[in-house]
């Protein structure tokens, strides 16, 4: 798994769920460091729901992680 992640852009590795038009995780994650840079203060994000791909499952199904 590590070999698949190292050297890749975080938004390529963890994209929003294309099957969920209401997914906002990527936008939220991108906004946090910008707020920190703009304000000069730490930024705290709420927990984010993230649907993890499950390539070992038939059809590569997705398994939800995070708060509901």
C-alpha atoms as a PDB file:
ATOM      1  CA  UNK A   1       0.000   0.000   0.000  1.00  0.00           C
ATOM      2  CA  UNK A   2       2.747   2.480   0.951  1.00  0.00           C
ATOM      3  CA  UNK A   3       4.361   2.110  -2.478  1.00  0.00           C
ATOM      4  CA  UNK A   4       1.081   3.154  -4.102  1.00  0.00           C
ATOM      5  CA  UNK A   5       0.906   6.361  -2.028  1.00  0.00           C
ATOM      6  CA  UNK A   6       4.443   7.733  -1.661  1.00  0.00           C
ATOM      7  CA  UNK A   7       5.214  10.509  -4.122  1.00  0.00           C
ATOM      8  CA  UNK A   8       1.627  11.025  -5.221  1.00  0.00           C
ATOM      9  CA  UNK A   9      -0.499  14.127  -4.683  1.00  0.00           C
ATOM     10  CA  UNK A  10      -2.918  13.658  -1.760  1.00  0.00           C
ATOM     11  CA  UNK A  11      -5.925  14.677  -3.882  1.00  0.00           C
ATOM     12  CA  UNK A  12      -5.051  12.052  -6.514  1.00  0.00           C
ATOM     13  CA  UNK A  13      -4.760   9.345  -3.860  1.00  0.00           C
ATOM     14  CA  UNK A  14      -7.897  10.370  -1.932  1.00  0.00           C
ATOM     15  CA  UNK A  15     -10.391  11.832  -4.432  1.00  0.00           C
ATOM     16  CA  UNK A  16     -14.028  12.566  -3.623  1.00  0.00           C
ATOM     17  CA  UNK A  17     -16.462   9.740  -4.264  1.00  0.00           C
ATOM     18  CA  UNK A  18     -17.582  10.323  -7.850  1.00  0.00           C
ATOM     19  CA  UNK A  19     -20.801   8.434  -7.070  1.00  0.00           C
ATOM     20  CA  UNK A  20     -21.762  10.952  -4.370  1.00  0.00           C
ATOM     21  CA  UNK A  21     -22.640  14.393  -5.778  1.00  0.00           C
ATOM     22  CA  UNK A  22     -22.795  15.755  -2.211  1.00  0.00           C
ATOM     23  CA  UNK A  23     -19.187  14.738  -1.408  1.00  0.00           C
ATOM     24  CA  UNK A  24     -17.224  17.726  -0.078  1.00  0.00           C
ATOM     25  CA  UNK A  25     -14.168  16.126   1.514  1.00  0.00           C
ATOM     26  CA  UNK A  26     -11.678  17.278  -1.110  1.00  0.00           C
ATOM     27  CA  UNK A  27     -12.963  20.852  -1.090  1.00  0.00           C
ATOM     28  CA  UNK A  28     -12.908  20.915   2.717  1.00  0.00           C
ATOM     29  CA  UNK A  29      -9.410  19.451   2.881  1.00  0.00           C
ATOM     30  CA  UNK A  30      -8.080  21.969   0.347  1.00  0.00           C
ATOM     31  CA  UNK A  31      -9.677  24.897   2.208  1.00  0.00           C
ATOM     32  CA  UNK A  32      -8.055  24.128   5.573  1.00  0.00           C
ATOM     33  CA  UNK A  33      -4.409  24.949   4.749  1.00  0.00           C
ATOM     34  CA  UNK A  34      -5.513  28.047   2.850  1.00  0.00           C
ATOM     35  CA  UNK A  35      -7.362  29.301   5.923  1.00  0.00           C
ATOM     36  CA  UNK A  36      -4.245  28.664   8.008  1.00  0.00           C
ATOM     37  CA  UNK A  37      -2.048  30.537   5.538  1.00  0.00           C
ATOM     38  CA  UNK A  38      -4.473  33.429   5.261  1.00  0.00           C
ATOM     39  CA  UNK A  39      -5.049  33.882   8.981  1.00  0.00           C
ATOM     40  CA  UNK A  40      -1.668  32.732  10.288  1.00  0.00           C
ATOM     41  CA  UNK A  41      -3.581  30.572  12.779  1.00  0.00           C
ATOM     42  CA  UNK A  42      -4.029  26.830  13.107  1.00  0.00           C
ATOM     43  CA  UNK A  43      -7.093  25.442  11.419  1.00  0.00           C
ATOM     44  CA  UNK A  44      -9.069  22.539  12.840  1.00  0.00           C
ATOM     45  CA  UNK A  45     -11.262  20.487  10.574  1.00  0.00           C
ATOM     46  CA  UNK A  46     -14.246  18.418  11.575  1.00  0.00           C
ATOM     47  CA  UNK A  47     -13.972  14.681  10.964  1.00  0.00           C
ATOM     48  CA  UNK A  48     -14.458  13.887   7.298  1.00  0.00           C
ATOM     49  CA  UNK A  49     -16.355  10.959   5.867  1.00  0.00           C
ATOM     50  CA  UNK A  50     -14.272   9.175   3.252  1.00  0.00           C
ATOM     51  CA  UNK A  51     -15.338   6.214   1.126  1.00  0.00           C
ATOM     52  CA  UNK A  52     -12.353   3.896   0.749  1.00  0.00           C
ATOM     53  CA  UNK A  53     -12.073   1.778  -2.393  1.00  0.00           C
ATOM     54  CA  UNK A  54     -12.142  -1.965  -1.765  1.00  0.00           C
ATOM     55  CA  UNK A  55     -10.384  -3.547  -4.764  1.00  0.00           C
ATOM     56  CA  UNK A  56     -10.526  -6.999  -3.160  1.00  0.00           C
ATOM     57  CA  UNK A  57     -14.331  -6.902  -3.280  1.00  0.00           C
ATOM     58  CA  UNK A  58     -16.261  -7.794  -6.433  1.00  0.00           C
ATOM     59  CA  UNK A  59     -16.697  -4.634  -8.485  1.00  0.00           C
ATOM     60  CA  UNK A  60     -14.145  -2.716  -6.373  1.00  0.00           C
ATOM     61  CA  UNK A  61     -16.904  -1.607  -4.014  1.00  0.00           C
ATOM     62  CA  UNK A  62     -16.476   1.259  -1.578  1.00  0.00           C
ATOM     63  CA  UNK A  63     -16.473   1.015   2.183  1.00  0.00           C
ATOM     64  CA  UNK A  64     -17.465   4.121   4.155  1.00  0.00           C
ATOM     65  CA  UNK A  65     -15.162   5.411   6.870  1.00  0.00           C
ATOM     66  CA  UNK A  66     -15.658   8.357   9.173  1.00  0.00           C
ATOM     67  CA  UNK A  67     -18.701   9.805  10.901  1.00  0.00           C
ATOM     68  CA  UNK A  68     -22.175   9.319   9.552  1.00  0.00           C
END
